[in-house]
Amino acid sequence: MGKGYYGLWHEAEGPMADERASHMRGEGGVPADRYAIRYYQKNWAEGGRMGTPERINGTGFVMACPGRSSDVIHMYVWVEEGIIQEARWQCHMCDPWMQVAGDILCQLAPGSALDAALHWRWDDFARVLGGPSVLIMEHAGAAMLTLHKAVIDYQVRTCLTSQQSGEDSIEPTQKLREFGLVGREGQQYLRHRLEETFSAFALQIPHIKVQEWVAMGTVQDVSLTVQAFVERQVIQRIFGQGCGFPRSFEEQLAAQG
C-alpha cells in the first residue's frame, strides 16, 4: 500500500512537479497540493496514527471509493465515560489522501467528547493540515463517516453492558442470547435500548429485525444494521459540516436515490 506511493515523492522534480503529476490527483482530477503532500510525507517520516489501539470498544469501516472496490478505511476507538481516549486508522488499498484525512481525524479525536467529535467541521481538518486542500476536503467526509460508524458500534455495545462488565469485553461475534436476551422480553428490552440511544436519528427498528437478532444474531449484526439505518442522516450532517466525499462515493450515493 504505502511503499509504492512513497516512491512517488522522488519521481517528480520539485514541489510543483509533484502537484501536477497525474498519479497525484484525486478521483475527480483535483491535483495534490503542498499541504496534502507535506502531511503525507510527515506521516512516513515521523509516523502517524495508523494501527489499532491496545484496547478497542468501537470499530467502523467505509468503502471510501466504490470505483476501487478494495479501497476501504477502518477506524478503531477506545472510549471511556463518553470521552474518546484513543483513535487509530487502517486502510486497505486507500490512496494517500484518504490516509491523510483518516490520520488527521485520529489526531483530533483523543480527549474529545463523543458529541463534539461528531460535529467537527472541515475547518478543524484544515487547522491540523496547516492550510486549505480541496483534495483532502473531498476525503474528510469518508473519514468522518468511518468515525461515526465506530462510535455507533461503541454505542450499540453500551446497550448490552448491563449484562457485561464493560464494552471492551464484548466480542462482535457474540450471540445476543449470551447476554440473556431471549424471547419477547429480550426483544422489547433491546429495541427500547437501541431506539432510546439513537433517538436523535428517530430510529425505529422493525419488529421482525429484532426477532431475528434475538433468535440468532450477533453484536456485529446489530451494529451494522443500525449503522445502515442512520447512514443517510449521518452523511447529510457531514456535508453540512463542510466535508466532502470522493467522487465515486457521491456517484454511488446518487444512484441509490
C-alpha atoms as a PDB file:
ATOM      1  CA  MET A   1       0.000   0.000   0.000  1.00  0.00           C
ATOM      2  CA  GLY A   2       2.427   2.689   1.168  1.00  0.00           C
ATOM      3  CA  LYS A   3       5.676   1.680  -0.484  1.00  0.00           C
ATOM      4  CA  GLY A   4       4.507   2.401  -4.000  1.00  0.00           C
ATOM      5  CA  TYR A   5       3.106   5.795  -3.061  1.00  0.00           C
ATOM      6  CA  TYR A   6       6.209   6.687  -1.070  1.00  0.00           C
ATOM      7  CA  GLY A   7       8.233   6.336  -4.246  1.00  0.00           C
ATOM      8  CA  LEU A   8       6.076   8.961  -5.948  1.00  0.00           C
ATOM      9  CA  TRP A   9       7.710  11.720  -3.946  1.00  0.00           C
ATOM     10  CA  HIS A  10      11.045  11.011  -5.648  1.00  0.00           C
ATOM     11  CA  GLU A  11       9.803  10.799  -9.228  1.00  0.00           C
ATOM     12  CA  ALA A  12       8.883  14.443  -9.794  1.00  0.00           C
ATOM     13  CA  GLU A  13      11.258  17.343  -9.904  1.00  0.00           C
ATOM     14  CA  GLY A  14      10.286  19.650  -7.046  1.00  0.00           C
ATOM     15  CA  PRO A  15       7.005  20.514  -5.311  1.00  0.00           C
ATOM     16  CA  MET A  16       5.280  21.990  -8.386  1.00  0.00           C
ATOM     17  CA  ALA A  17       6.010  18.893 -10.441  1.00  0.00           C
ATOM     18  CA  ASP A  18       4.619  16.776  -7.596  1.00  0.00           C
ATOM     19  CA  GLU A  19       1.426  18.821  -7.620  1.00  0.00           C
ATOM     20  CA  ARG A  20       0.953  18.410 -11.399  1.00  0.00           C
ATOM     21  CA  ALA A  21       1.686  14.672 -11.657  1.00  0.00           C
ATOM     22  CA  SER A  22      -1.348  12.671 -12.802  1.00  0.00           C
ATOM     23  CA  HIS A  23      -0.848   9.970 -10.169  1.00  0.00           C
ATOM     24  CA  MET A  24      -1.006  12.687  -7.503  1.00  0.00           C
ATOM     25  CA  ARG A  25      -4.597  13.614  -8.299  1.00  0.00           C
ATOM     26  CA  GLY A  26      -7.903  12.711  -6.724  1.00  0.00           C
ATOM     27  CA  GLU A  27     -10.699  10.785  -8.433  1.00  0.00           C
ATOM     28  CA  GLY A  28     -12.138  13.951  -9.938  1.00  0.00           C
ATOM     29  CA  GLY A  29      -8.766  15.121 -11.226  1.00  0.00           C
ATOM     30  CA  VAL A  30      -8.106  17.510  -8.337  1.00  0.00           C
ATOM     31  CA  PRO A  31      -4.316  17.955  -8.112  1.00  0.00           C
ATOM     32  CA  ALA A  32      -2.348  17.345  -4.951  1.00  0.00           C
ATOM     33  CA  ASP A  33      -1.361  20.464  -3.032  1.00  0.00           C
ATOM     34  CA  ARG A  34       1.610  21.215  -0.834  1.00  0.00           C
ATOM     35  CA  TYR A  35      -0.352  20.804   2.411  1.00  0.00           C
ATOM     36  CA  ALA A  36      -1.555  17.310   1.487  1.00  0.00           C
ATOM     37  CA  ILE A  37       1.879  16.259   0.247  1.00  0.00           C
ATOM     38  CA  ARG A  38       3.695  17.599   3.302  1.00  0.00           C
ATOM     39  CA  TYR A  39       1.329  15.875   5.715  1.00  0.00           C
ATOM     40  CA  TYR A  40       1.697  12.559   3.912  1.00  0.00           C
ATOM     41  CA  GLN A  41       5.489  12.889   3.866  1.00  0.00           C
ATOM     42  CA  LYS A  42       5.427  13.702   7.583  1.00  0.00           C
ATOM     43  CA  ASN A  43       3.386  10.564   8.256  1.00  0.00           C
ATOM     44  CA  TRP A  44       6.034   8.455   6.608  1.00  0.00           C
ATOM     45  CA  ALA A  45       8.927  10.243   8.262  1.00  0.00           C
ATOM     46  CA  GLU A  46       7.588  10.543  11.803  1.00  0.00           C
ATOM     47  CA  GLY A  47       4.766   8.053  11.999  1.00  0.00           C
ATOM     48  CA  GLY A  48       1.081   8.843  12.269  1.00  0.00           C
ATOM     49  CA  ARG A  49      -1.975   7.314  13.914  1.00  0.00           C
ATOM     50  CA  MET A  50      -2.121   4.205  11.752  1.00  0.00           C
ATOM     51  CA  GLY A  51      -2.703   0.902  13.568  1.00  0.00           C
ATOM     52  CA  THR A  52      -5.015  -0.277  16.330  1.00  0.00           C
ATOM     53  CA  PRO A  53      -5.245   0.830  19.987  1.00  0.00           C
ATOM     54  CA  GLU A  54      -4.349  -1.626  22.734  1.00  0.00           C
ATOM     55  CA  ARG A  55      -7.988  -1.513  23.806  1.00  0.00           C
ATOM     56  CA  ILE A  56     -10.918  -1.209  21.409  1.00  0.00           C
ATOM     57  CA  ASN A  57     -14.618  -0.806  22.109  1.00  0.00           C
ATOM     58  CA  GLY A  58     -15.771   0.646  18.808  1.00  0.00           C
ATOM     59  CA  THR A  59     -14.914  -0.084  15.181  1.00  0.00           C
ATOM     60  CA  GLY A  60     -16.148   1.197  11.843  1.00  0.00           C
ATOM     61  CA  PHE A  61     -15.268   0.860   8.183  1.00  0.00           C
ATOM     62  CA  VAL A  62     -16.281   2.579   4.952  1.00  0.00           C
ATOM     63  CA  MET A  63     -15.696   1.727   1.304  1.00  0.00           C
ATOM     64  CA  ALA A  64     -14.499   5.229   0.586  1.00  0.00           C
ATOM     65  CA  CYS A  65     -14.072   4.931  -3.183  1.00  0.00           C
ATOM     66  CA  PRO A  66     -16.553   2.403  -4.633  1.00  0.00           C
ATOM     67  CA  GLY A  67     -14.874   2.912  -8.009  1.00  0.00           C
ATOM     68  CA  ARG A  68     -11.952   0.987  -6.484  1.00  0.00           C
ATOM     69  CA  SER A  69     -13.646  -1.981  -4.868  1.00  0.00           C
ATOM     70  CA  SER A  70     -10.912  -2.671  -2.311  1.00  0.00           C
ATOM     71  CA  ASP A  71     -10.444   0.942  -1.142  1.00  0.00           C
ATOM     72  CA  VAL A  72     -11.608   0.625   2.480  1.00  0.00           C
ATOM     73  CA  ILE A  73     -10.757   2.697   5.548  1.00  0.00           C
ATOM     74  CA  HIS A  74     -11.149   1.269   9.065  1.00  0.00           C
ATOM     75  CA  MET A  75     -11.242   3.210  12.323  1.00  0.00           C
ATOM     76  CA  TYR A  76     -10.877   1.946  15.888  1.00  0.00           C
ATOM     77  CA  VAL A  77     -11.697   3.831  19.086  1.00  0.00           C
ATOM     78  CA  TRP A  78     -11.368   3.352  22.793  1.00  0.00           C
ATOM     79  CA  VAL A  79     -13.997   5.322  24.721  1.00  0.00           C
ATOM     80  CA  GLU A  80     -14.303   5.844  28.482  1.00  0.00           C
ATOM     81  CA  GLU A  81     -17.115   7.809  30.140  1.00  0.00           C
ATOM     82  CA  GLY A  82     -18.121   9.417  26.875  1.00  0.00           C
ATOM     83  CA  ILE A  83     -14.584  10.591  26.020  1.00  0.00           C
ATOM     84  CA  ILE A  84     -12.516   9.220  23.143  1.00  0.00           C
ATOM     85  CA  GLN A  85      -9.253   8.149  24.728  1.00  0.00           C
ATOM     86  CA  GLU A  86      -7.626   6.728  21.611  1.00  0.00           C
ATOM     87  CA  ALA A  87      -8.361   6.552  17.887  1.00  0.00           C
ATOM     88  CA  ARG A  88      -6.446   4.771  15.157  1.00  0.00           C
ATOM     89  CA  TRP A  89      -6.979   4.041  11.484  1.00  0.00           C
ATOM     90  CA  GLN A  90      -6.001   1.448   8.913  1.00  0.00           C
ATOM     91  CA  CYS A  91      -6.532   1.436   5.158  1.00  0.00           C
ATOM     92  CA  HIS A  92      -6.777  -1.357   2.634  1.00  0.00           C
ATOM     93  CA  MET A  93      -5.567  -0.057  -0.732  1.00  0.00           C
ATOM     94  CA  CYS A  94      -6.505   3.558   0.127  1.00  0.00           C
ATOM     95  CA  ASP A  95      -4.879   6.385  -1.769  1.00  0.00           C
ATOM     96  CA  PRO A  96      -2.560   8.764   0.157  1.00  0.00           C
ATOM     97  CA  TRP A  97      -5.274  11.394   0.595  1.00  0.00           C
ATOM     98  CA  MET A  98      -7.679   9.037   2.354  1.00  0.00           C
ATOM     99  CA  GLN A  99      -4.816   8.131   4.664  1.00  0.00           C
ATOM    100  CA  VAL A 100      -4.153  11.815   5.387  1.00  0.00           C
ATOM    101  CA  ALA A 101      -7.831  12.514   6.160  1.00  0.00           C
ATOM    102  CA  GLY A 102      -8.042   9.474   8.441  1.00  0.00           C
ATOM    103  CA  ASP A 103      -4.864  10.402  10.258  1.00  0.00           C
ATOM    104  CA  ILE A 104      -5.983  13.996  10.836  1.00  0.00           C
ATOM    105  CA  LEU A 105      -9.236  12.785  12.343  1.00  0.00           C
ATOM    106  CA  CYS A 106      -7.380  10.429  14.673  1.00  0.00           C
ATOM    107  CA  GLN A 107      -5.133  13.319  15.728  1.00  0.00           C
ATOM    108  CA  LEU A 108      -8.210  15.368  16.625  1.00  0.00           C
ATOM    109  CA  ALA A 109     -10.068  12.613  18.478  1.00  0.00           C
ATOM    110  CA  PRO A 110      -8.214  11.847  21.749  1.00  0.00           C
ATOM    111  CA  GLY A 111      -9.682  13.765  24.695  1.00  0.00           C
ATOM    112  CA  SER A 112     -12.823  14.747  22.806  1.00  0.00           C
ATOM    113  CA  ALA A 113     -16.367  14.060  23.965  1.00  0.00           C
ATOM    114  CA  LEU A 114     -18.309  11.874  21.538  1.00  0.00           C
ATOM    115  CA  ASP A 115     -20.829  14.566  20.649  1.00  0.00           C
ATOM    116  CA  ALA A 116     -18.108  17.152  19.997  1.00  0.00           C
ATOM    117  CA  ALA A 117     -16.085  14.738  17.871  1.00  0.00           C
ATOM    118  CA  LEU A 118     -19.031  14.001  15.603  1.00  0.00           C
ATOM    119  CA  HIS A 119     -19.537  17.713  14.935  1.00  0.00           C
ATOM    120  CA  TRP A 120     -16.050  18.575  13.708  1.00  0.00           C
ATOM    121  CA  ARG A 121     -16.034  20.688  10.569  1.00  0.00           C
ATOM    122  CA  TRP A 122     -13.681  20.985   7.625  1.00  0.00           C
ATOM    123  CA  ASP A 123     -12.056  23.954   9.381  1.00  0.00           C
ATOM    124  CA  ASP A 124     -10.842  21.537  12.085  1.00  0.00           C
ATOM    125  CA  PHE A 125      -9.193  19.333   9.452  1.00  0.00           C
ATOM    126  CA  ALA A 126      -7.601  22.363   7.755  1.00  0.00           C
ATOM    127  CA  ARG A 127      -6.192  23.574  11.062  1.00  0.00           C
ATOM    128  CA  VAL A 128      -4.325  20.282  11.625  1.00  0.00           C
ATOM    129  CA  LEU A 129      -3.361  20.031   7.951  1.00  0.00           C
ATOM    130  CA  GLY A 130      -1.863  23.508   8.026  1.00  0.00           C
ATOM    131  CA  GLY A 131      -3.874  25.050   5.194  1.00  0.00           C
ATOM    132  CA  PRO A 132      -6.670  24.599   2.638  1.00  0.00           C
ATOM    133  CA  SER A 133      -6.827  21.484   0.458  1.00  0.00           C
ATOM    134  CA  VAL A 134      -9.671  20.588  -1.879  1.00  0.00           C
ATOM    135  CA  LEU A 135      -8.161  17.123  -2.237  1.00  0.00           C
ATOM    136  CA  ILE A 136      -8.245  16.360   1.489  1.00  0.00           C
ATOM    137  CA  MET A 137     -11.638  18.020   1.882  1.00  0.00           C
ATOM    138  CA  GLU A 138     -13.131  15.540  -0.592  1.00  0.00           C
ATOM    139  CA  HIS A 139     -11.839  12.682   1.600  1.00  0.00           C
ATOM    140  CA  ALA A 140     -12.646  14.197   5.007  1.00  0.00           C
ATOM    141  CA  GLY A 141     -16.287  13.145   4.792  1.00  0.00           C
ATOM    142  CA  ALA A 142     -15.383   9.479   4.384  1.00  0.00           C
ATOM    143  CA  ALA A 143     -13.118   9.722   7.425  1.00  0.00           C
ATOM    144  CA  MET A 144     -15.914  11.362   9.424  1.00  0.00           C
ATOM    145  CA  LEU A 145     -18.404   8.690   8.348  1.00  0.00           C
ATOM    146  CA  THR A 146     -15.971   5.997   9.483  1.00  0.00           C
ATOM    147  CA  LEU A 147     -15.644   7.654  12.894  1.00  0.00           C
ATOM    148  CA  HIS A 148     -19.435   7.901  13.164  1.00  0.00           C
ATOM    149  CA  LYS A 149     -19.699   4.181  12.499  1.00  0.00           C
ATOM    150  CA  ALA A 150     -17.068   3.384  15.121  1.00  0.00           C
ATOM    151  CA  VAL A 151     -18.990   5.487  17.647  1.00  0.00           C
ATOM    152  CA  ILE A 152     -22.265   3.782  16.697  1.00  0.00           C
ATOM    153  CA  ASP A 153     -20.573   0.427  17.246  1.00  0.00           C
ATOM    154  CA  TYR A 154     -19.480   1.609  20.693  1.00  0.00           C
ATOM    155  CA  GLN A 155     -22.996   2.826  21.495  1.00  0.00           C
ATOM    156  CA  VAL A 156     -24.537  -0.491  20.427  1.00  0.00           C
ATOM    157  CA  ARG A 157     -22.156  -2.258  22.792  1.00  0.00           C
ATOM    158  CA  THR A 158     -23.200   0.051  25.643  1.00  0.00           C
ATOM    159  CA  CYS A 159     -26.770  -1.129  25.120  1.00  0.00           C
ATOM    160  CA  LEU A 160     -25.570  -4.546  26.278  1.00  0.00           C
ATOM    161  CA  THR A 161     -23.325  -3.512  29.177  1.00  0.00           C
ATOM    162  CA  SER A 162     -25.933  -4.135  31.851  1.00  0.00           C
ATOM    163  CA  GLN A 163     -25.180  -7.791  31.185  1.00  0.00           C
ATOM    164  CA  GLN A 164     -21.406  -7.360  30.920  1.00  0.00           C
ATOM    165  CA  SER A 165     -18.542  -5.823  32.902  1.00  0.00           C
ATOM    166  CA  GLY A 166     -17.619  -3.437  30.078  1.00  0.00           C
ATOM    167  CA  GLU A 167     -17.850  -2.818  26.360  1.00  0.00           C
ATOM    168  CA  ASP A 168     -14.286  -3.992  25.776  1.00  0.00           C
ATOM    169  CA  SER A 169     -15.235  -7.489  26.926  1.00  0.00           C
ATOM    170  CA  ILE A 170     -17.910  -7.753  24.242  1.00  0.00           C
ATOM    171  CA  GLU A 171     -16.847  -9.528  21.077  1.00  0.00           C
ATOM    172  CA  PRO A 172     -18.567  -8.582  17.795  1.00  0.00           C
ATOM    173  CA  THR A 173     -19.286 -12.246  17.042  1.00  0.00           C
ATOM    174  CA  GLN A 174     -21.044 -12.947  20.332  1.00  0.00           C
ATOM    175  CA  LYS A 175     -24.648 -14.089  20.044  1.00  0.00           C
ATOM    176  CA  LEU A 176     -27.235 -11.873  21.713  1.00  0.00           C
ATOM    177  CA  ARG A 177     -28.562 -14.824  23.691  1.00  0.00           C
ATOM    178  CA  GLU A 178     -25.226 -14.857  25.522  1.00  0.00           C
ATOM    179  CA  PHE A 179     -26.325 -11.567  27.115  1.00  0.00           C
ATOM    180  CA  GLY A 180     -29.559 -13.020  28.396  1.00  0.00           C
ATOM    181  CA  LEU A 181     -31.604 -11.529  25.570  1.00  0.00           C
ATOM    182  CA  VAL A 182     -34.182 -14.202  24.839  1.00  0.00           C
ATOM    183  CA  GLY A 183     -37.828 -14.308  23.923  1.00  0.00           C
ATOM    184  CA  ARG A 184     -40.236 -11.396  23.785  1.00  0.00           C
ATOM    185  CA  GLU A 185     -38.785  -9.783  26.893  1.00  0.00           C
ATOM    186  CA  GLY A 186     -35.337  -9.730  25.333  1.00  0.00           C
ATOM    187  CA  GLN A 187     -36.713  -8.288  22.115  1.00  0.00           C
ATOM    188  CA  GLN A 188     -38.543  -5.488  23.909  1.00  0.00           C
ATOM    189  CA  TYR A 189     -35.516  -4.662  26.056  1.00  0.00           C
ATOM    190  CA  LEU A 190     -33.120  -4.475  23.097  1.00  0.00           C
ATOM    191  CA  ARG A 191     -35.486  -2.462  20.934  1.00  0.00           C
ATOM    192  CA  HIS A 192     -36.103   0.048  23.723  1.00  0.00           C
ATOM    193  CA  ARG A 193     -32.396   0.485  24.491  1.00  0.00           C
ATOM    194  CA  LEU A 194     -31.442   0.984  20.844  1.00  0.00           C
ATOM    195  CA  GLU A 195     -34.250   3.382  19.966  1.00  0.00           C
ATOM    196  CA  GLU A 196     -33.552   5.389  23.109  1.00  0.00           C
ATOM    197  CA  THR A 197     -29.798   5.521  22.421  1.00  0.00           C
ATOM    198  CA  PHE A 198     -30.310   6.638  18.810  1.00  0.00           C
ATOM    199  CA  SER A 199     -33.337   8.851  19.406  1.00  0.00           C
ATOM    200  CA  ALA A 200     -31.528  11.772  17.718  1.00  0.00           C
ATOM    201  CA  PHE A 201     -31.979   9.855  14.459  1.00  0.00           C
ATOM    202  CA  ALA A 202     -35.605   8.946  15.239  1.00  0.00           C
ATOM    203  CA  LEU A 203     -34.532   5.319  14.868  1.00  0.00           C
ATOM    204  CA  GLN A 204     -37.385   2.839  14.567  1.00  0.00           C
ATOM    205  CA  ILE A 205     -36.410  -0.807  14.362  1.00  0.00           C
ATOM    206  CA  PRO A 206     -38.800  -3.217  12.610  1.00  0.00           C
ATOM    207  CA  HIS A 207     -40.135  -5.864  14.956  1.00  0.00           C
ATOM    208  CA  ILE A 208     -39.107  -8.645  12.587  1.00  0.00           C
ATOM    209  CA  LYS A 209     -35.499  -7.419  12.691  1.00  0.00           C
ATOM    210  CA  VAL A 210     -35.399  -7.553  16.491  1.00  0.00           C
ATOM    211  CA  GLN A 211     -36.847 -11.068  16.372  1.00  0.00           C
ATOM    212  CA  GLU A 212     -34.059 -12.139  14.008  1.00  0.00           C
ATOM    213  CA  TRP A 213     -31.375 -10.617  16.212  1.00  0.00           C
ATOM    214  CA  VAL A 214     -32.565 -12.227  19.417  1.00  0.00           C
ATOM    215  CA  ALA A 215     -33.088 -15.600  17.724  1.00  0.00           C
ATOM    216  CA  MET A 216     -29.711 -15.918  16.013  1.00  0.00           C
ATOM    217  CA  GLY A 217     -27.996 -12.538  15.644  1.00  0.00           C
ATOM    218  CA  THR A 218     -24.641 -11.267  16.861  1.00  0.00           C
ATOM    219  CA  VAL A 219     -23.471  -7.960  18.290  1.00  0.00           C
ATOM    220  CA  GLN A 220     -21.964  -7.160  14.907  1.00  0.00           C
ATOM    221  CA  ASP A 221     -25.287  -7.866  13.154  1.00  0.00           C
ATOM    222  CA  VAL A 222     -26.996  -5.271  15.344  1.00  0.00           C
ATOM    223  CA  SER A 223     -24.216  -2.711  14.930  1.00  0.00           C
ATOM    224  CA  LEU A 224     -24.024  -2.937  11.133  1.00  0.00           C
ATOM    225  CA  THR A 225     -27.804  -2.772  10.760  1.00  0.00           C
ATOM    226  CA  VAL A 226     -28.102   0.306  12.980  1.00  0.00           C
ATOM    227  CA  GLN A 227     -25.285   1.930  11.009  1.00  0.00           C
ATOM    228  CA  ALA A 228     -27.159   1.236   7.764  1.00  0.00           C
ATOM    229  CA  PHE A 229     -30.408   2.649   9.173  1.00  0.00           C
ATOM    230  CA  VAL A 230     -28.868   6.006  10.115  1.00  0.00           C
ATOM    231  CA  GLU A 231     -26.166   6.344   7.436  1.00  0.00           C
ATOM    232  CA  ARG A 232     -28.089   8.714   5.165  1.00  0.00           C
ATOM    233  CA  GLN A 233     -28.750  11.118   8.021  1.00  0.00           C
ATOM    234  CA  VAL A 234     -25.112  10.958   9.102  1.00  0.00           C
ATOM    235  CA  ILE A 235     -23.893  11.719   5.572  1.00  0.00           C
ATOM    236  CA  GLN A 236     -26.159  14.765   5.300  1.00  0.00           C
ATOM    237  CA  ARG A 237     -24.800  16.054   8.621  1.00  0.00           C
ATOM    238  CA  ILE A 238     -21.248  15.574   7.370  1.00  0.00           C
ATOM    239  CA  PHE A 239     -21.974  17.524   4.188  1.00  0.00           C
ATOM    240  CA  GLY A 240     -23.377  20.279   6.396  1.00  0.00           C
ATOM    241  CA  GLN A 241     -20.083  20.366   8.278  1.00  0.00           C
ATOM    242  CA  GLY A 242     -18.218  21.241   5.105  1.00  0.00           C
ATOM    243  CA  CYS A 243     -16.658  17.831   4.458  1.00  0.00           C
ATOM    244  CA  GLY A 244     -16.897  16.081   1.111  1.00  0.00           C
ATOM    245  CA  PHE A 245     -16.506  12.572  -0.263  1.00  0.00           C
ATOM    246  CA  PRO A 246     -14.567  11.010  -3.153  1.00  0.00           C
ATOM    247  CA  ARG A 247     -16.387  11.335  -6.477  1.00  0.00           C
ATOM    248  CA  SER A 248     -17.275   7.638  -6.855  1.00  0.00           C
ATOM    249  CA  PHE A 249     -18.768   7.618  -3.334  1.00  0.00           C
ATOM    250  CA  GLU A 250     -21.040  10.533  -4.199  1.00  0.00           C
ATOM    251  CA  GLU A 251     -21.965   8.919  -7.520  1.00  0.00           C
ATOM    252  CA  GLN A 252     -22.965   5.698  -5.783  1.00  0.00           C
ATOM    253  CA  LEU A 253     -24.973   7.688  -3.224  1.00  0.00           C
ATOM    254  CA  ALA A 254     -26.860   9.472  -6.004  1.00  0.00           C
ATOM    255  CA  ALA A 255     -27.532   6.188  -7.839  1.00  0.00           C
ATOM    256  CA  GLN A 256     -29.090   4.709  -4.704  1.00  0.00           C
ATOM    257  CA  GLY A 257     -31.610   7.572  -4.662  1.00  0.00           C
END
